[in-house]
PDB file of N, CA and C in Angstrom:
ATOM      1  N   MET A   1      99.276 115.095 114.564  1.00  0.00           N
ATOM      2  CA  MET A   1      99.442 113.777 113.991  1.00  0.00           C
ATOM      3  C   MET A   1     100.270 113.913 112.716  1.00  0.00           C
ATOM      4  N   GLY A   2     100.290 114.390 111.782  1.00  0.00           N
ATOM      5  CA  GLY A   2     101.236 114.603 110.704  1.00  0.00           C
ATOM      6  C   GLY A   2     101.351 113.462 109.703  1.00  0.00           C
ATOM      7  N   TYR A   3     101.949 113.773 108.625  1.00  0.00           N
ATOM      8  CA  TYR A   3     102.120 112.831 107.519  1.00  0.00           C
ATOM      9  C   TYR A   3     103.425 112.081 107.699  1.00  0.00           C
ATOM     10  N   ASN A   4     103.372 110.782 107.631  1.00  0.00           N
ATOM     11  CA  ASN A   4     104.551 109.944 107.768  1.00  0.00           C
ATOM     12  C   ASN A   4     104.855 109.322 106.407  1.00  0.00           C
ATOM     13  N   LYS A   5     105.799 109.909 105.678  1.00  0.00           N
ATOM     14  CA  LYS A   5     106.065 109.446 104.318  1.00  0.00           C
ATOM     15  C   LYS A   5     106.738 108.080 104.278  1.00  0.00           C
ATOM     16  N   SER A   6     107.276 107.607 105.368  1.00  0.00           N
ATOM     17  CA  SER A   6     107.913 106.291 105.362  1.00  0.00           C
ATOM     18  C   SER A   6     106.875 105.172 105.286  1.00  0.00           C
ATOM     19  N   LYS A   7     105.608 105.446 105.629  1.00  0.00           N
ATOM     20  CA  LYS A   7     104.560 104.432 105.568  1.00  0.00           C
ATOM     21  C   LYS A   7     103.879 104.372 104.209  1.00  0.00           C
ATOM     22  N   PHE A   8     104.074 105.350 103.350  1.00  0.00           N
ATOM     23  CA  PHE A   8     103.424 105.371 102.040  1.00  0.00           C
ATOM     24  C   PHE A   8     104.373 104.853 100.971  1.00  0.00           C
ATOM     25  N   ARG A   9     103.878 103.950 100.148  1.00  0.00           N
ATOM     26  CA  ARG A   9     104.623 103.447  98.997  1.00  0.00           C
ATOM     27  C   ARG A   9     103.727 103.584  97.777  1.00  0.00           C
ATOM     28  N   PHE A  10     104.245 104.248  96.731  1.00  0.00           N
ATOM     29  CA  PHE A  10     103.446 104.488  95.529  1.00  0.00           C
ATOM     30  C   PHE A  10     103.009 103.179  94.882  1.00  0.00           C
ATOM     31  N   SER A  11     103.840 102.155  94.962  1.00  0.00           N
ATOM     32  CA  SER A  11     103.492 100.869  94.348  1.00  0.00           C
ATOM     33  C   SER A  11     102.272 100.233  94.995  1.00  0.00           C
ATOM     34  N   GLU A  12     101.978 100.572  96.250  1.00  0.00           N
ATOM     35  CA  GLU A  12     100.819 100.009  96.934  1.00  0.00           C
ATOM     36  C   GLU A  12      99.499 100.553  96.397  1.00  0.00           C
ATOM     37  N   THR A  13      99.531 101.646  95.642  1.00  0.00           N
ATOM     38  CA  THR A  13      98.291 102.159  95.063  1.00  0.00           C
ATOM     39  C   THR A  13      97.754 101.228  93.997  1.00  0.00           C
ATOM     40  N   PHE A  14      98.594 100.351  93.456  1.00  0.00           N
ATOM     41  CA  PHE A  14      98.166  99.399  92.432  1.00  0.00           C
ATOM     42  C   PHE A  14      97.720  98.068  93.023  1.00  0.00           C
ATOM     43  N   ASN A  15      97.885  97.861  94.319  1.00  0.00           N
ATOM     44  CA  ASN A  15      97.582  96.575  94.940  1.00  0.00           C
ATOM     45  C   ASN A  15      96.156  96.533  95.458  1.00  0.00           C
ATOM     46  N   ASN A  16      95.577  95.319  95.464  1.00  0.00           N
ATOM     47  CA  ASN A  16      94.277  95.139  96.078  1.00  0.00           C
ATOM     48  C   ASN A  16      94.468  94.760  97.539  1.00  0.00           C
ATOM     49  N   SER A  17      93.394  94.339  98.204  1.00  0.00           N
ATOM     50  CA  SER A  17      93.485  94.125  99.648  1.00  0.00           C
ATOM     51  C   SER A  17      94.367  92.957 100.047  1.00  0.00           C
ATOM     52  N   ASN A  18      94.590  91.986  99.146  1.00  0.00           N
ATOM     53  CA  ASN A  18      95.448  90.859  99.515  1.00  0.00           C
ATOM     54  C   ASN A  18      96.901  91.071  99.117  1.00  0.00           C
ATOM     55  N   GLY A  19      97.259  92.252  98.627  1.00  0.00           N
ATOM     56  CA  GLY A  19      98.642  92.575  98.331  1.00  0.00           C
ATOM     57  C   GLY A  19      99.089  92.300  96.919  1.00  0.00           C
ATOM     58  N   LYS A  20      98.218  91.724  96.094  1.00  0.00           N
ATOM     59  CA  LYS A  20      98.581  91.431  94.710  1.00  0.00           C
ATOM     60  C   LYS A  20      98.273  92.642  93.829  1.00  0.00           C
ATOM     61  N   THR A  21      99.012  92.770  92.741  1.00  0.00           N
ATOM     62  CA  THR A  21      98.785  93.873  91.823  1.00  0.00           C
ATOM     63  C   THR A  21      97.456  93.683  91.116  1.00  0.00           C
ATOM     64  N   SER A  22      96.648  94.733  91.136  1.00  0.00           N
ATOM     65  CA  SER A  22      95.329  94.708  90.528  1.00  0.00           C
ATOM     66  C   SER A  22      95.388  95.379  89.160  1.00  0.00           C
ATOM     67  N   GLY A  23      94.923  94.685  88.130  1.00  0.00           N
ATOM     68  CA  GLY A  23      94.917  95.254  86.782  1.00  0.00           C
ATOM     69  C   GLY A  23      94.004  96.461  86.691  1.00  0.00           C
ATOM     70  N   SER A  24      92.814  96.368  87.285  1.00  0.00           N
ATOM     71  CA  SER A  24      91.895  97.503  87.233  1.00  0.00           C
ATOM     72  C   SER A  24      92.421  98.674  88.064  1.00  0.00           C
ATOM     73  N   GLY A  25      93.115  98.379  89.161  1.00  0.00           N
ATOM     74  CA  GLY A  25      93.711  99.445  89.960  1.00  0.00           C
ATOM     75  C   GLY A  25      94.813 100.166  89.213  1.00  0.00           C
ATOM     76  N   PHE A  26      95.657  99.397  88.514  1.00  0.00           N
ATOM     77  CA  PHE A  26      96.747  99.989  87.739  1.00  0.00           C
ATOM     78  C   PHE A  26      96.195 100.894  86.645  1.00  0.00           C
ATOM     79  N   VAL A  27      95.236 100.368  85.873  1.00  0.00           N
ATOM     80  CA  VAL A  27      94.650 101.159  84.787  1.00  0.00           C
ATOM     81  C   VAL A  27      93.880 102.355  85.350  1.00  0.00           C
ATOM     82  N   GLY A  28      93.217 102.187  86.493  1.00  0.00           N
ATOM     83  CA  GLY A  28      92.482 103.285  87.112  1.00  0.00           C
ATOM     84  C   GLY A  28      93.389 104.426  87.548  1.00  0.00           C
ATOM     85  N   VAL A  29      94.523 104.094  88.143  1.00  0.00           N
ATOM     86  CA  VAL A  29      95.471 105.135  88.575  1.00  0.00           C
ATOM     87  C   VAL A  29      96.060 105.866  87.368  1.00  0.00           C
ATOM     88  N   ILE A  30      96.469 105.100  86.349  1.00  0.00           N
ATOM     89  CA  ILE A  30      97.034 105.719  85.146  1.00  0.00           C
ATOM     90  C   ILE A  30      95.989 106.601  84.456  1.00  0.00           C
ATOM     91  N   THR A  31      94.745 106.115  84.364  1.00  0.00           N
ATOM     92  CA  THR A  31      93.674 106.898  83.754  1.00  0.00           C
ATOM     93  C   THR A  31      93.406 108.167  84.562  1.00  0.00           C
ATOM     94  N   GLY A  32      93.458 108.075  85.875  1.00  0.00           N
ATOM     95  CA  GLY A  32      93.264 109.249  86.723  1.00  0.00           C
ATOM     96  C   GLY A  32      94.354 110.293  86.528  1.00  0.00           C
ATOM     97  N   ILE A  33      95.585 109.838  86.388  1.00  0.00           N
ATOM     98  CA  ILE A  33      96.697 110.769  86.144  1.00  0.00           C
ATOM     99  C   ILE A  33      96.525 111.458  84.789  1.00  0.00           C
ATOM    100  N   LEU A  34      96.173 110.662  83.768  1.00  0.00           N
ATOM    101  CA  LEU A  34      95.950 111.249  82.437  1.00  0.00           C
ATOM    102  C   LEU A  34      94.768 112.209  82.431  1.00  0.00           C
ATOM    103  N   THR A  35      93.734 111.894  83.195  1.00  0.00           N
ATOM    104  CA  THR A  35      92.580 112.786  83.303  1.00  0.00           C
ATOM    105  C   THR A  35      92.974 114.111  83.933  1.00  0.00           C
ATOM    106  N   SER A  36      93.800 114.071  84.950  1.00  0.00           N
ATOM    107  CA  SER A  36      94.254 115.309  85.600  1.00  0.00           C
ATOM    108  C   SER A  36      95.058 116.178  84.641  1.00  0.00           C
ATOM    109  N   ILE A  37      95.931 115.543  83.864  1.00  0.00           N
ATOM    110  CA  ILE A  37      96.735 116.286  82.891  1.00  0.00           C
ATOM    111  C   ILE A  37      95.842 116.886  81.808  1.00  0.00           C
ATOM    112  N   ALA A  38      94.865 116.090  81.328  1.00  0.00           N
ATOM    113  CA  ALA A  38      93.947 116.573  80.287  1.00  0.00           C
ATOM    114  C   ALA A  38      93.088 117.717  80.811  1.00  0.00           C
ATOM    115  N   PHE A  39      92.665 117.642  82.071  1.00  0.00           N
ATOM    116  CA  PHE A  39      91.866 118.719  82.646  1.00  0.00           C
ATOM    117  C   PHE A  39      92.677 120.010  82.727  1.00  0.00           C
ATOM    118  N   ALA A  40      93.931 119.909  83.138  1.00  0.00           N
ATOM    119  CA  ALA A  40      94.786 121.100  83.209  1.00  0.00           C
ATOM    120  C   ALA A  40      94.982 121.709  81.822  1.00  0.00           C
ATOM    121  N   ALA A  41      95.186 120.858  80.814  1.00  0.00           N
ATOM    122  CA  ALA A  41      95.358 121.359  79.448  1.00  0.00           C
ATOM    123  C   ALA A  41      94.080 122.003  78.935  1.00  0.00           C
ATOM    124  N   ALA A  42      92.935 121.418  79.254  1.00  0.00           N
ATOM    125  CA  ALA A  42      91.657 121.991  78.820  1.00  0.00           C
ATOM    126  C   ALA A  42      91.382 123.324  79.519  1.00  0.00           C
ATOM    127  N   MET A  43      91.796 123.436  80.780  1.00  0.00           N
ATOM    128  CA  MET A  43      91.616 124.711  81.487  1.00  0.00           C
ATOM    129  C   MET A  43      92.436 125.816  80.816  1.00  0.00           C
ATOM    130  N   VAL A  44      93.640 125.483  80.399  1.00  0.00           N
ATOM    131  CA  VAL A  44      94.470 126.465  79.695  1.00  0.00           C
ATOM    132  C   VAL A  44      93.798 126.842  78.379  1.00  0.00           C
ATOM    133  N   GLY A  45      93.270 125.850  77.666  1.00  0.00           N
ATOM    134  CA  GLY A  45      92.562 126.124  76.416  1.00  0.00           C
ATOM    135  C   GLY A  45      91.326 126.970  76.621  1.00  0.00           C
ATOM    136  N   TRP A  46      90.592 126.710  77.695  1.00  0.00           N
ATOM    137  CA  TRP A  46      89.393 127.499  78.001  1.00  0.00           C
ATOM    138  C   TRP A  46      89.784 128.935  78.350  1.00  0.00           C
ATOM    139  N   TRP A  47      90.874 129.075  79.107  1.00  0.00           N
ATOM    140  CA  TRP A  47      91.335 130.401  79.499  1.00  0.00           C
ATOM    141  C   TRP A  47      91.786 131.199  78.274  1.00  0.00           C
ATOM    142  N   LEU A  48      92.380 130.509  77.288  1.00  0.00           N
ATOM    143  CA  LEU A  48      92.821 131.176  76.063  1.00  0.00           C
ATOM    144  C   LEU A  48      91.686 131.397  75.074  1.00  0.00           C
ATOM    145  N   GLY A  49      90.509 130.854  75.350  1.00  0.00           N
ATOM    146  CA  GLY A  49      89.347 131.077  74.495  1.00  0.00           C
ATOM    147  C   GLY A  49      89.277 130.167  73.282  1.00  0.00           C
ATOM    148  N   LYS A  50      89.817 128.975  73.382  1.00  0.00           N
ATOM    149  CA  LYS A  50      89.769 128.025  72.266  1.00  0.00           C
ATOM    150  C   LYS A  50      88.335 127.533  72.069  1.00  0.00           C
ATOM    151  N   PRO A  51      87.934 127.307  70.806  1.00  0.00           N
ATOM    152  CA  PRO A  51      86.569 126.822  70.561  1.00  0.00           C
ATOM    153  C   PRO A  51      86.421 125.352  70.929  1.00  0.00           C
ATOM    154  N   ASP A  52      85.210 124.937  71.220  1.00  0.00           N
ATOM    155  CA  ASP A  52      84.838 123.546  71.512  1.00  0.00           C
ATOM    156  C   ASP A  52      85.512 122.966  72.749  1.00  0.00           C
ATOM    157  N   VAL A  53      85.889 123.803  73.689  1.00  0.00           N
ATOM    158  CA  VAL A  53      86.531 123.294  74.907  1.00  0.00           C
ATOM    159  C   VAL A  53      85.505 122.596  75.797  1.00  0.00           C
ATOM    160  N   LEU A  54      84.239 123.039  75.746  1.00  0.00           N
ATOM    161  CA  LEU A  54      83.221 122.416  76.594  1.00  0.00           C
ATOM    162  C   LEU A  54      82.989 120.951  76.198  1.00  0.00           C
ATOM    163  N   GLU A  55      83.093 120.624  74.921  1.00  0.00           N
ATOM    164  CA  GLU A  55      82.967 119.231  74.500  1.00  0.00           C
ATOM    165  C   GLU A  55      84.153 118.406  75.014  1.00  0.00           C
ATOM    166  N   VAL A  56      85.313 119.033  75.046  1.00  0.00           N
ATOM    167  CA  VAL A  56      86.495 118.348  75.577  1.00  0.00           C
ATOM    168  C   VAL A  56      86.320 118.099  77.074  1.00  0.00           C
ATOM    169  N   PHE A  57      85.752 119.067  77.796  1.00  0.00           N
ATOM    170  CA  PHE A  57      85.494 118.883  79.226  1.00  0.00           C
ATOM    171  C   PHE A  57      84.542 117.713  79.458  1.00  0.00           C
ATOM    172  N   GLU A  58      83.565 117.545  78.576  1.00  0.00           N
ATOM    173  CA  GLU A  58      82.630 116.432  78.706  1.00  0.00           C
ATOM    174  C   GLU A  58      83.349 115.092  78.577  1.00  0.00           C
ATOM    175  N   LYS A  59      84.263 114.997  77.625  1.00  0.00           N
ATOM    176  CA  LYS A  59      85.040 113.763  77.446  1.00  0.00           C
ATOM    177  C   LYS A  59      85.976 113.525  78.631  1.00  0.00           C
ATOM    178  N   ILE A  60      86.536 114.585  79.172  1.00  0.00           N
ATOM    179  CA  ILE A  60      87.421 114.467  80.341  1.00  0.00           C
ATOM    180  C   ILE A  60      86.623 113.977  81.547  1.00  0.00           C
ATOM    181  N   LEU A  61      85.396 114.461  81.702  1.00  0.00           N
ATOM    182  CA  LEU A  61      84.539 113.999  82.791  1.00  0.00           C
ATOM    183  C   LEU A  61      84.255 112.505  82.648  1.00  0.00           C
ATOM    184  N   GLN A  62      83.980 112.055  81.444  1.00  0.00           N
ATOM    185  CA  GLN A  62      83.748 110.632  81.208  1.00  0.00           C
ATOM    186  C   GLN A  62      84.995 109.809  81.532  1.00  0.00           C
ATOM    187  N   LEU A  63      86.145 110.315  81.170  1.00  0.00           N
ATOM    188  CA  LEU A  63      87.400 109.627  81.471  1.00  0.00           C
ATOM    189  C   LEU A  63      87.638 109.557  82.985  1.00  0.00           C
ATOM    190  N   GLY A  64      87.313 110.634  83.689  1.00  0.00           N
ATOM    191  CA  GLY A  64      87.447 110.635  85.144  1.00  0.00           C
ATOM    192  C   GLY A  64      86.492 109.661  85.809  1.00  0.00           C
ATOM    193  N   LEU A  65      85.274 109.557  85.290  1.00  0.00           N
ATOM    194  CA  LEU A  65      84.319 108.594  85.833  1.00  0.00           C
ATOM    195  C   LEU A  65      84.768 107.154  85.574  1.00  0.00           C
ATOM    196  N   LEU A  66      85.380 106.916  84.422  1.00  0.00           N
ATOM    197  CA  LEU A  66      85.933 105.596  84.131  1.00  0.00           C
ATOM    198  C   LEU A  66      87.039 105.249  85.121  1.00  0.00           C
ATOM    199  N   SER A  67      87.880 106.203  85.415  1.00  0.00           N
ATOM    200  CA  SER A  67      88.956 105.983  86.378  1.00  0.00           C
ATOM    201  C   SER A  67      88.392 105.633  87.749  1.00  0.00           C
ATOM    202  N   ALA A  68      87.379 106.376  88.180  1.00  0.00           N
ATOM    203  CA  ALA A  68      86.766 106.107  89.479  1.00  0.00           C
ATOM    204  C   ALA A  68      86.094 104.735  89.498  1.00  0.00           C
ATOM    205  N   ALA A  69      85.461 104.355  88.396  1.00  0.00           N
ATOM    206  CA  ALA A  69      84.819 103.045  88.325  1.00  0.00           C
ATOM    207  C   ALA A  69      85.853 101.922  88.406  1.00  0.00           C
ATOM    208  N   LEU A  70      86.974 102.081  87.717  1.00  0.00           N
ATOM    209  CA  LEU A  70      88.018 101.050  87.759  1.00  0.00           C
ATOM    210  C   LEU A  70      88.607 100.913  89.156  1.00  0.00           C
ATOM    211  N   LEU A  71      88.802 102.026  89.836  1.00  0.00           N
ATOM    212  CA  LEU A  71      89.320 101.957  91.197  1.00  0.00           C
ATOM    213  C   LEU A  71      88.284 101.369  92.148  1.00  0.00           C
ATOM    214  N   GLY A  72      87.007 101.638  91.891  1.00  0.00           N
ATOM    215  CA  GLY A  72      85.938 101.044  92.691  1.00  0.00           C
ATOM    216  C   GLY A  72      85.852  99.541  92.502  1.00  0.00           C
ATOM    217  N   VAL A  73      86.035  99.079  91.272  1.00  0.00           N
ATOM    218  CA  VAL A  73      86.026  97.644  90.991  1.00  0.00           C
ATOM    219  C   VAL A  73      87.145  96.958  91.757  1.00  0.00           C
ATOM    220  N   ARG A  74      88.283  97.592  91.833  1.00  0.00           N
ATOM    221  CA  ARG A  74      89.414  97.015  92.568  1.00  0.00           C
ATOM    222  C   ARG A  74      89.049  96.825  94.039  1.00  0.00           C
ATOM    223  N   LYS A  75      88.416  97.826  94.637  1.00  0.00           N
ATOM    224  CA  LYS A  75      88.059  97.730  96.050  1.00  0.00           C
ATOM    225  C   LYS A  75      86.959  96.704  96.277  1.00  0.00           C
ATOM    226  N   ILE A  76      85.950  96.686  95.399  1.00  0.00           N
ATOM    227  CA  ILE A  76      84.834  95.758  95.565  1.00  0.00           C
ATOM    228  C   ILE A  76      85.304  94.318  95.370  1.00  0.00           C
ATOM    229  N   SER A  77      86.092  94.083  94.321  1.00  0.00           N
ATOM    230  CA  SER A  77      86.569  92.718  94.085  1.00  0.00           C
ATOM    231  C   SER A  77      87.496  92.261  95.207  1.00  0.00           C
ATOM    232  N   GLY A  78      88.285  93.156  95.768  1.00  0.00           N
ATOM    233  CA  GLY A  78      89.148  92.798  96.894  1.00  0.00           C
ATOM    234  C   GLY A  78      88.338  92.430  98.123  1.00  0.00           C
ATOM    235  N   ALA A  79      87.241  93.155  98.356  1.00  0.00           N
ATOM    236  CA  ALA A  79      86.389  92.856  99.503  1.00  0.00           C
ATOM    237  C   ALA A  79      85.680  91.517  99.311  1.00  0.00           C
ATOM    238  N   ILE A  80      85.238  91.242  98.086  1.00  0.00           N
ATOM    239  CA  ILE A  80      84.571  89.969  97.814  1.00  0.00           C
ATOM    240  C   ILE A  80      85.544  88.811  97.969  1.00  0.00           C
ATOM    241  N   MET A  81      86.753  88.974  97.438  1.00  0.00           N
ATOM    242  CA  MET A  81      87.740  87.896  97.521  1.00  0.00           C
ATOM    243  C   MET A  81      88.181  87.660  98.963  1.00  0.00           C
ATOM    244  N   SER A  82      88.334  88.719  99.745  1.00  0.00           N
ATOM    245  CA  SER A  82      88.734  88.521 101.133  1.00  0.00           C
ATOM    246  C   SER A  82      87.588  87.914 101.934  1.00  0.00           C
ATOM    247  N   GLY A  83      86.348  88.221 101.574  1.00  0.00           N
ATOM    248  CA  GLY A  83      85.202  87.610 102.238  1.00  0.00           C
ATOM    249  C   GLY A  83      85.116  86.128 101.958  1.00  0.00           C
ATOM    250  N   LYS A  84      85.403  85.724 100.727  1.00  0.00           N
ATOM    251  CA  LYS A  84      85.389  84.307 100.387  1.00  0.00           C
ATOM    252  C   LYS A  84      86.515  83.567 101.091  1.00  0.00           C
ATOM    253  N   GLY A  85      87.661  84.214 101.240  1.00  0.00           N
ATOM    254  CA  GLY A  85      88.800  83.571 101.886  1.00  0.00           C
ATOM    255  C   GLY A  85      88.541  83.282 103.355  1.00  0.00           C
ATOM    256  N   THR A  86      87.852  84.189 104.039  1.00  0.00           N
ATOM    257  CA  THR A  86      87.611  83.966 105.466  1.00  0.00           C
ATOM    258  C   THR A  86      86.579  82.883 105.688  1.00  0.00           C
ATOM    259  N   THR A  87      85.560  82.771 104.823  1.00  0.00           N
ATOM    260  CA  THR A  87      84.563  81.737 105.037  1.00  0.00           C
ATOM    261  C   THR A  87      85.131  80.353 104.788  1.00  0.00           C
ATOM    262  N   SER A  88      86.017  80.210 103.805  1.00  0.00           N
ATOM    263  CA  SER A  88      86.580  78.886 103.540  1.00  0.00           C
ATOM    264  C   SER A  88      87.524  78.460 104.663  1.00  0.00           C
ATOM    265  N   VAL A  89      88.229  79.385 105.257  1.00  0.00           N
ATOM    266  CA  VAL A  89      89.125  79.049 106.357  1.00  0.00           C
ATOM    267  C   VAL A  89      88.310  78.660 107.582  1.00  0.00           C
ATOM    268  N   GLU A  90      87.229  79.413 107.863  1.00  0.00           N
ATOM    269  CA  GLU A  90      86.391  79.085 109.003  1.00  0.00           C
ATOM    270  C   GLU A  90      85.728  77.728 108.814  1.00  0.00           C
ATOM    271  N   GLY A  91      85.261  77.462 107.594  1.00  0.00           N
ATOM    272  CA  GLY A  91      84.601  76.196 107.321  1.00  0.00           C
ATOM    273  C   GLY A  91      85.538  75.021 107.503  1.00  0.00           C
ATOM    274  N   SER A  92      86.768  75.141 107.075  1.00  0.00           N
ATOM    275  CA  SER A  92      87.701  74.026 107.205  1.00  0.00           C
ATOM    276  C   SER A  92      88.087  73.797 108.660  1.00  0.00           C
ATOM    277  N   SER A  93      88.153  74.835 109.472  1.00  0.00           N
ATOM    278  CA  SER A  93      88.499  74.643 110.877  1.00  0.00           C
ATOM    279  C   SER A  93      87.334  74.018 111.633  1.00  0.00           C
ATOM    280  N   GLU A  94      86.106  74.351 111.235  1.00  0.00           N
ATOM    281  CA  GLU A  94      84.945  73.737 111.888  1.00  0.00           C
ATOM    282  C   GLU A  94      84.878  72.263 111.552  1.00  0.00           C
ATOM    283  N   GLU A  95      85.192  71.907 110.312  1.00  0.00           N
ATOM    284  CA  GLU A  95      85.153  70.498 109.924  1.00  0.00           C
ATOM    285  C   GLU A  95      86.216  69.682 110.670  1.00  0.00           C
ATOM    286  N   SER A  96      87.377  70.273 110.868  1.00  0.00           N
ATOM    287  CA  SER A  96      88.429  69.552 111.572  1.00  0.00           C
ATOM    288  C   SER A  96      88.087  69.385 113.053  1.00  0.00           C
ATOM    289  N   ASP A  97      87.270  70.310 113.626  1.00  0.00           N
ATOM    290  CA  ASP A  97      86.842  70.175 115.008  1.00  0.00           C
ATOM    291  C   ASP A  97      85.842  69.040 115.191  1.00  0.00           C
ATOM    292  N   LYS A  98      85.032  68.763 114.143  1.00  0.00           N
ATOM    293  CA  LYS A  98      84.007  67.751 114.232  1.00  0.00           C
ATOM    294  C   LYS A  98      84.587  66.337 114.123  1.00  0.00           C
ATOM    295  N   GLN A  99      85.720  66.189 113.455  1.00  0.00           N
ATOM    296  CA  GLN A  99      86.287  64.855 113.263  1.00  0.00           C
ATOM    297  C   GLN A  99      86.970  64.393 114.546  1.00  0.00           C
ATOM    298  N   PRO A 100      86.758  63.138 114.883  1.00  0.00           N
ATOM    299  CA  PRO A 100      87.434  62.642 116.099  1.00  0.00           C
ATOM    300  C   PRO A 100      88.932  62.517 115.872  1.00  0.00           C
ATOM    301  N   GLY A 101      89.688  62.837 116.801  1.00  0.00           N
ATOM    302  CA  GLY A 101      91.095  62.824 116.542  1.00  0.00           C
ATOM    303  C   GLY A 101      91.903  62.297 117.589  1.00  0.00           C
TER     304      GLY A 101
END
């Protein structure tokens, strides 16, 4: 099966389920990238024996959890919004079926 790079667009990582740009998704992706860079820098510091690196790792973990929470909010809010959209469409079609025409 293989990877098809023509189907992936980096800009879609910021979108929610209805295709609009999500603020929490954008901030979550940027925070995740910064967390990865900070983790790599802290690993180099730990390898070189710098003091207080474990406290820095704790802050990096908190930053990573924030990133995951922001990306989770994007998915949950998208699911809630798409759920509301389908019920309103179904409700309006049922009402139009009941009216004599």
